[in-house]
Amino acid sequence: MNQRSSNLLDEALGLDQVIEPWPLRGRVVAIEDQVETSGSFVLHHLLKRSLSPNSSNVTIFIAFSQPFSHYDRILRKLGCNLVSQRDNSRFFFFDMLKLQCPDGDEGITPEGGLIALYGKIHKTISALPEISWKNVSIIIDDLSLMEVAANGSSDYVLDFLHYCRTLTSEF
């Protein structure tokens, strides 16, 4: 067995490789739930790994399905304190549960919510020290809920993902 592998999940995700600063750098990772198993444990594991003490990663977390307190409780059980990570500017949490959707059929339009969210993400990354720019991960907890918030427009969601991918590549 490989001595570098900390567990089977790391091995399955390719996180057992010694690649600095982060094995998933430059990649888009999609975790799909199944009826038998929720993918949330993988999400929590990736979040914990990206915020490990020997890492220089900065994580921007966009939450559509759970509040900050939920993730904080789970990550504390896994040995990671999100409050201290947030205070050290290594973790930024965007709570989309508090998103105010307009009445009617408008939902989030490109001119509205997703563009504003992208602007906040861009501003957050721009405010980081330049040395941190190359180690930014953007994690979205539930794309299906993002699509619901965008009034069913998968085009808006795909555009948003493209812009975020371009943003992290740019920096």
C-alpha atoms as a PDB file:
ATOM      1  CA  MET A   1       0.000   0.000   0.000  1.00  0.00           C
ATOM      2  CA  ASN A   2       1.219   3.485  -0.802  1.00  0.00           C
ATOM      3  CA  GLN A   3       2.633   5.197   2.300  1.00  0.00           C
ATOM      4  CA  ARG A   4       1.513   8.631   1.096  1.00  0.00           C
ATOM      5  CA  SER A   5      -2.158   7.641   1.000  1.00  0.00           C
ATOM      6  CA  SER A   6      -3.928   8.724   4.171  1.00  0.00           C
ATOM      7  CA  ASN A   7      -7.090   6.721   3.415  1.00  0.00           C
ATOM      8  CA  LEU A   8      -9.027   4.957   0.665  1.00  0.00           C
ATOM      9  CA  LEU A   9     -11.156   8.026  -0.105  1.00  0.00           C
ATOM     10  CA  ASP A  10      -8.020  10.104  -0.768  1.00  0.00           C
ATOM     11  CA  GLU A  11      -6.743   7.345  -3.009  1.00  0.00           C
ATOM     12  CA  ALA A  12     -10.026   7.124  -4.936  1.00  0.00           C
ATOM     13  CA  LEU A  13     -10.083  10.912  -5.442  1.00  0.00           C
ATOM     14  CA  GLY A  14      -6.437  11.061  -6.477  1.00  0.00           C
ATOM     15  CA  LEU A  15      -5.502  13.062  -3.393  1.00  0.00           C
ATOM     16  CA  ASP A  16      -2.845  10.548  -2.351  1.00  0.00           C
ATOM     17  CA  GLN A  17      -0.403  11.953  -4.903  1.00  0.00           C
ATOM     18  CA  VAL A  18       2.220  14.405  -3.736  1.00  0.00           C
ATOM     19  CA  ILE A  19       1.341  17.351  -5.949  1.00  0.00           C
ATOM     20  CA  GLU A  20       1.883  20.819  -4.598  1.00  0.00           C
ATOM     21  CA  PRO A  21       0.041  22.862  -3.658  1.00  0.00           C
ATOM     22  CA  TRP A  22      -3.196  20.918  -4.243  1.00  0.00           C
ATOM     23  CA  PRO A  23      -3.796  17.810  -6.383  1.00  0.00           C
ATOM     24  CA  LEU A  24      -7.150  19.144  -7.653  1.00  0.00           C
ATOM     25  CA  ARG A  25      -5.674  22.475  -8.785  1.00  0.00           C
ATOM     26  CA  GLY A  26      -7.074  23.503 -12.153  1.00  0.00           C
ATOM     27  CA  ARG A  27      -9.737  20.807 -12.155  1.00  0.00           C
ATOM     28  CA  VAL A  28     -13.499  20.880 -11.987  1.00  0.00           C
ATOM     29  CA  VAL A  29     -14.824  18.142  -9.720  1.00  0.00           C
ATOM     30  CA  ALA A  30     -18.483  17.178  -9.740  1.00  0.00           C
ATOM     31  CA  ILE A  31     -19.877  15.003  -6.967  1.00  0.00           C
ATOM     32  CA  GLU A  32     -23.126  13.292  -7.804  1.00  0.00           C
ATOM     33  CA  ASP A  33     -25.566  12.022  -5.198  1.00  0.00           C
ATOM     34  CA  GLN A  34     -27.212   8.671  -5.665  1.00  0.00           C
ATOM     35  CA  VAL A  35     -30.321   7.230  -4.092  1.00  0.00           C
ATOM     36  CA  GLU A  36     -28.220   4.861  -1.970  1.00  0.00           C
ATOM     37  CA  THR A  37     -25.608   7.393  -0.864  1.00  0.00           C
ATOM     38  CA  SER A  38     -25.332  11.142  -0.418  1.00  0.00           C
ATOM     39  CA  GLY A  39     -22.256  12.811  -1.844  1.00  0.00           C
ATOM     40  CA  SER A  40     -22.032  15.213   1.081  1.00  0.00           C
ATOM     41  CA  PHE A  41     -19.355  13.162   2.852  1.00  0.00           C
ATOM     42  CA  VAL A  42     -17.071  13.661  -0.157  1.00  0.00           C
ATOM     43  CA  LEU A  43     -17.810  17.386  -0.128  1.00  0.00           C
ATOM     44  CA  HIS A  44     -16.918  17.592   3.582  1.00  0.00           C
ATOM     45  CA  HIS A  45     -13.756  15.579   2.984  1.00  0.00           C
ATOM     46  CA  LEU A  46     -12.628  17.848   0.142  1.00  0.00           C
ATOM     47  CA  LEU A  47     -13.359  20.926   2.236  1.00  0.00           C
ATOM     48  CA  LYS A  48     -11.325  19.546   5.133  1.00  0.00           C
ATOM     49  CA  ARG A  49      -8.420  18.617   2.839  1.00  0.00           C
ATOM     50  CA  SER A  50      -8.392  22.015   1.143  1.00  0.00           C
ATOM     51  CA  LEU A  51      -8.140  23.713   4.554  1.00  0.00           C
ATOM     52  CA  SER A  52      -5.532  21.389   6.062  1.00  0.00           C
ATOM     53  CA  PRO A  53      -2.855  23.121   8.168  1.00  0.00           C
ATOM     54  CA  ASN A  54      -0.027  22.249   5.742  1.00  0.00           C
ATOM     55  CA  SER A  55      -1.931  23.735   2.805  1.00  0.00           C
ATOM     56  CA  SER A  56      -1.882  27.302   1.527  1.00  0.00           C
ATOM     57  CA  ASN A  57      -5.278  26.971  -0.145  1.00  0.00           C
ATOM     58  CA  VAL A  58      -8.029  29.551   0.108  1.00  0.00           C
ATOM     59  CA  THR A  59     -11.557  28.184  -0.219  1.00  0.00           C
ATOM     60  CA  ILE A  60     -14.619  30.091  -1.342  1.00  0.00           C
ATOM     61  CA  PHE A  61     -17.706  28.108  -0.399  1.00  0.00           C
ATOM     62  CA  ILE A  62     -21.088  28.871  -1.952  1.00  0.00           C
ATOM     63  CA  ALA A  63     -23.875  27.271   0.073  1.00  0.00           C
ATOM     64  CA  PHE A  64     -27.296  26.648  -1.404  1.00  0.00           C
ATOM     65  CA  SER A  65     -28.364  23.689   0.726  1.00  0.00           C
ATOM     66  CA  GLN A  66     -27.085  24.205   4.286  1.00  0.00           C
ATOM     67  CA  PRO A  67     -26.163  27.163   6.538  1.00  0.00           C
ATOM     68  CA  PHE A  68     -22.683  27.883   7.864  1.00  0.00           C
ATOM     69  CA  SER A  69     -23.506  26.302  11.246  1.00  0.00           C
ATOM     70  CA  HIS A  70     -24.130  22.932   9.559  1.00  0.00           C
ATOM     71  CA  TYR A  71     -20.737  22.858   7.860  1.00  0.00           C
ATOM     72  CA  ASP A  72     -18.991  24.225  10.946  1.00  0.00           C
ATOM     73  CA  ARG A  73     -20.409  21.442  13.148  1.00  0.00           C
ATOM     74  CA  ILE A  74     -19.450  18.678  10.726  1.00  0.00           C
ATOM     75  CA  LEU A  75     -15.976  20.026  10.013  1.00  0.00           C
ATOM     76  CA  ARG A  76     -15.312  20.448  13.749  1.00  0.00           C
ATOM     77  CA  LYS A  77     -16.027  16.725  14.143  1.00  0.00           C
ATOM     78  CA  LEU A  78     -13.470  16.136  11.387  1.00  0.00           C
ATOM     79  CA  GLY A  79     -10.921  18.320  13.188  1.00  0.00           C
ATOM     80  CA  CYS A  80     -11.227  21.530  11.159  1.00  0.00           C
ATOM     81  CA  ASN A  81     -12.443  24.804  12.662  1.00  0.00           C
ATOM     82  CA  LEU A  82     -14.177  26.853   9.949  1.00  0.00           C
ATOM     83  CA  VAL A  83     -14.489  29.918  12.186  1.00  0.00           C
ATOM     84  CA  SER A  84     -10.723  30.131  12.655  1.00  0.00           C
ATOM     85  CA  GLN A  85     -10.179  29.450   8.951  1.00  0.00           C
ATOM     86  CA  ARG A  86     -12.595  32.277   8.144  1.00  0.00           C
ATOM     87  CA  ASP A  87     -10.837  34.587  10.606  1.00  0.00           C
ATOM     88  CA  ASN A  88      -7.492  33.747   8.961  1.00  0.00           C
ATOM     89  CA  SER A  89      -8.913  34.626   5.503  1.00  0.00           C
ATOM     90  CA  ARG A  90      -8.552  31.070   4.228  1.00  0.00           C
ATOM     91  CA  PHE A  91     -12.296  30.346   4.109  1.00  0.00           C
ATOM     92  CA  PHE A  92     -15.025  32.551   2.671  1.00  0.00           C
ATOM     93  CA  PHE A  93     -18.652  31.492   3.007  1.00  0.00           C
ATOM     94  CA  PHE A  94     -21.418  32.825   0.769  1.00  0.00           C
ATOM     95  CA  ASP A  95     -24.776  31.869   2.269  1.00  0.00           C
ATOM     96  CA  MET A  96     -27.204  31.672  -0.637  1.00  0.00           C
ATOM     97  CA  LEU A  97     -29.993  30.469   1.670  1.00  0.00           C
ATOM     98  CA  LYS A  98     -30.445  34.113   2.618  1.00  0.00           C
ATOM     99  CA  LEU A  99     -30.738  35.090  -1.029  1.00  0.00           C
ATOM    100  CA  GLN A 100     -33.704  37.348  -1.623  1.00  0.00           C
ATOM    101  CA  CYS A 101     -35.382  36.131  -4.794  1.00  0.00           C
ATOM    102  CA  PRO A 102     -37.697  38.631  -6.431  1.00  0.00           C
ATOM    103  CA  ASP A 103     -41.404  37.881  -6.603  1.00  0.00           C
ATOM    104  CA  GLY A 104     -42.835  36.457  -9.768  1.00  0.00           C
ATOM    105  CA  ASP A 105     -41.076  34.500 -12.476  1.00  0.00           C
ATOM    106  CA  GLU A 106     -37.881  36.523 -12.535  1.00  0.00           C
ATOM    107  CA  GLY A 107     -35.707  34.375 -10.221  1.00  0.00           C
ATOM    108  CA  ILE A 108     -31.988  35.025 -10.456  1.00  0.00           C
ATOM    109  CA  THR A 109     -31.149  36.480 -13.828  1.00  0.00           C
ATOM    110  CA  PRO A 110     -27.691  37.014 -15.297  1.00  0.00           C
ATOM    111  CA  GLU A 111     -28.196  40.714 -14.633  1.00  0.00           C
ATOM    112  CA  GLY A 112     -29.120  39.987 -11.017  1.00  0.00           C
ATOM    113  CA  GLY A 113     -28.055  37.355  -8.533  1.00  0.00           C
ATOM    114  CA  LEU A 114     -25.449  35.265 -10.321  1.00  0.00           C
ATOM    115  CA  ILE A 115     -23.651  38.306 -11.723  1.00  0.00           C
ATOM    116  CA  ALA A 116     -23.680  39.897  -8.255  1.00  0.00           C
ATOM    117  CA  LEU A 117     -22.390  36.646  -6.728  1.00  0.00           C
ATOM    118  CA  TYR A 118     -19.616  36.470  -9.315  1.00  0.00           C
ATOM    119  CA  GLY A 119     -18.735  40.097  -8.518  1.00  0.00           C
ATOM    120  CA  LYS A 120     -18.440  39.250  -4.812  1.00  0.00           C
ATOM    121  CA  ILE A 121     -16.230  36.254  -5.579  1.00  0.00           C
ATOM    122  CA  HIS A 122     -14.009  38.357  -7.864  1.00  0.00           C
ATOM    123  CA  LYS A 123     -13.761  41.069  -5.192  1.00  0.00           C
ATOM    124  CA  THR A 124     -12.884  38.470  -2.541  1.00  0.00           C
ATOM    125  CA  ILE A 125     -10.104  36.957  -4.648  1.00  0.00           C
ATOM    126  CA  SER A 126      -8.765  40.378  -5.658  1.00  0.00           C
ATOM    127  CA  ALA A 127      -8.516  41.386  -1.973  1.00  0.00           C
ATOM    128  CA  LEU A 128      -6.315  38.372  -1.153  1.00  0.00           C
ATOM    129  CA  PRO A 129      -2.540  38.680  -1.055  1.00  0.00           C
ATOM    130  CA  GLU A 130      -1.140  37.985  -4.506  1.00  0.00           C
ATOM    131  CA  ILE A 131       0.633  34.850  -3.285  1.00  0.00           C
ATOM    132  CA  SER A 132      -2.774  33.275  -2.483  1.00  0.00           C
ATOM    133  CA  TRP A 133      -4.289  33.862  -5.931  1.00  0.00           C
ATOM    134  CA  LYS A 134      -2.977  30.621  -7.401  1.00  0.00           C
ATOM    135  CA  ASN A 135      -4.391  28.502  -4.576  1.00  0.00           C
ATOM    136  CA  VAL A 136      -8.089  29.412  -4.664  1.00  0.00           C
ATOM    137  CA  SER A 137     -10.801  26.748  -4.759  1.00  0.00           C
ATOM    138  CA  ILE A 138     -14.461  27.548  -5.330  1.00  0.00           C
ATOM    139  CA  ILE A 139     -16.835  24.943  -3.910  1.00  0.00           C
ATOM    140  CA  ILE A 140     -20.586  24.975  -4.544  1.00  0.00           C
ATOM    141  CA  ASP A 141     -22.548  22.613  -2.336  1.00  0.00           C
ATOM    142  CA  ASP A 142     -25.538  21.935  -4.606  1.00  0.00           C
ATOM    143  CA  LEU A 143     -25.734  22.892  -8.277  1.00  0.00           C
ATOM    144  CA  SER A 144     -29.309  21.642  -8.571  1.00  0.00           C
ATOM    145  CA  LEU A 145     -30.397  24.229  -5.998  1.00  0.00           C
ATOM    146  CA  MET A 146     -28.407  26.875  -7.852  1.00  0.00           C
ATOM    147  CA  GLU A 147     -30.432  26.018 -10.941  1.00  0.00           C
ATOM    148  CA  VAL A 148     -33.665  26.271  -8.925  1.00  0.00           C
ATOM    149  CA  ALA A 149     -32.569  29.697  -7.653  1.00  0.00           C
ATOM    150  CA  ALA A 150     -31.842  30.673 -11.266  1.00  0.00           C
ATOM    151  CA  ASN A 151     -35.468  29.877 -12.111  1.00  0.00           C
ATOM    152  CA  GLY A 152     -34.534  26.651 -13.902  1.00  0.00           C
ATOM    153  CA  SER A 153     -32.016  28.202 -16.260  1.00  0.00           C
ATOM    154  CA  SER A 154     -29.158  25.761 -16.668  1.00  0.00           C
ATOM    155  CA  ASP A 155     -27.591  28.205 -19.156  1.00  0.00           C
ATOM    156  CA  TYR A 156     -27.129  30.788 -16.378  1.00  0.00           C
ATOM    157  CA  VAL A 157     -25.600  28.145 -14.105  1.00  0.00           C
ATOM    158  CA  LEU A 158     -23.232  26.930 -16.827  1.00  0.00           C
ATOM    159  CA  ASP A 159     -22.208  30.502 -17.633  1.00  0.00           C
ATOM    160  CA  PHE A 160     -21.554  31.149 -13.942  1.00  0.00           C
ATOM    161  CA  LEU A 161     -19.417  28.003 -13.672  1.00  0.00           C
ATOM    162  CA  HIS A 162     -17.493  29.021 -16.793  1.00  0.00           C
ATOM    163  CA  TYR A 163     -16.830  32.481 -15.371  1.00  0.00           C
ATOM    164  CA  CYS A 164     -15.649  31.017 -12.052  1.00  0.00           C
ATOM    165  CA  ARG A 165     -13.356  28.578 -13.852  1.00  0.00           C
ATOM    166  CA  THR A 166     -11.952  31.405 -15.952  1.00  0.00           C
ATOM    167  CA  LEU A 167     -11.517  33.552 -12.847  1.00  0.00           C
ATOM    168  CA  THR A 168      -9.498  30.925 -10.988  1.00  0.00           C
ATOM    169  CA  SER A 169      -7.400  30.292 -14.104  1.00  0.00           C
ATOM    170  CA  GLU A 170      -6.828  34.035 -14.577  1.00  0.00           C
ATOM    171  CA  PHE A 171      -5.437  34.486 -11.096  1.00  0.00           C
END
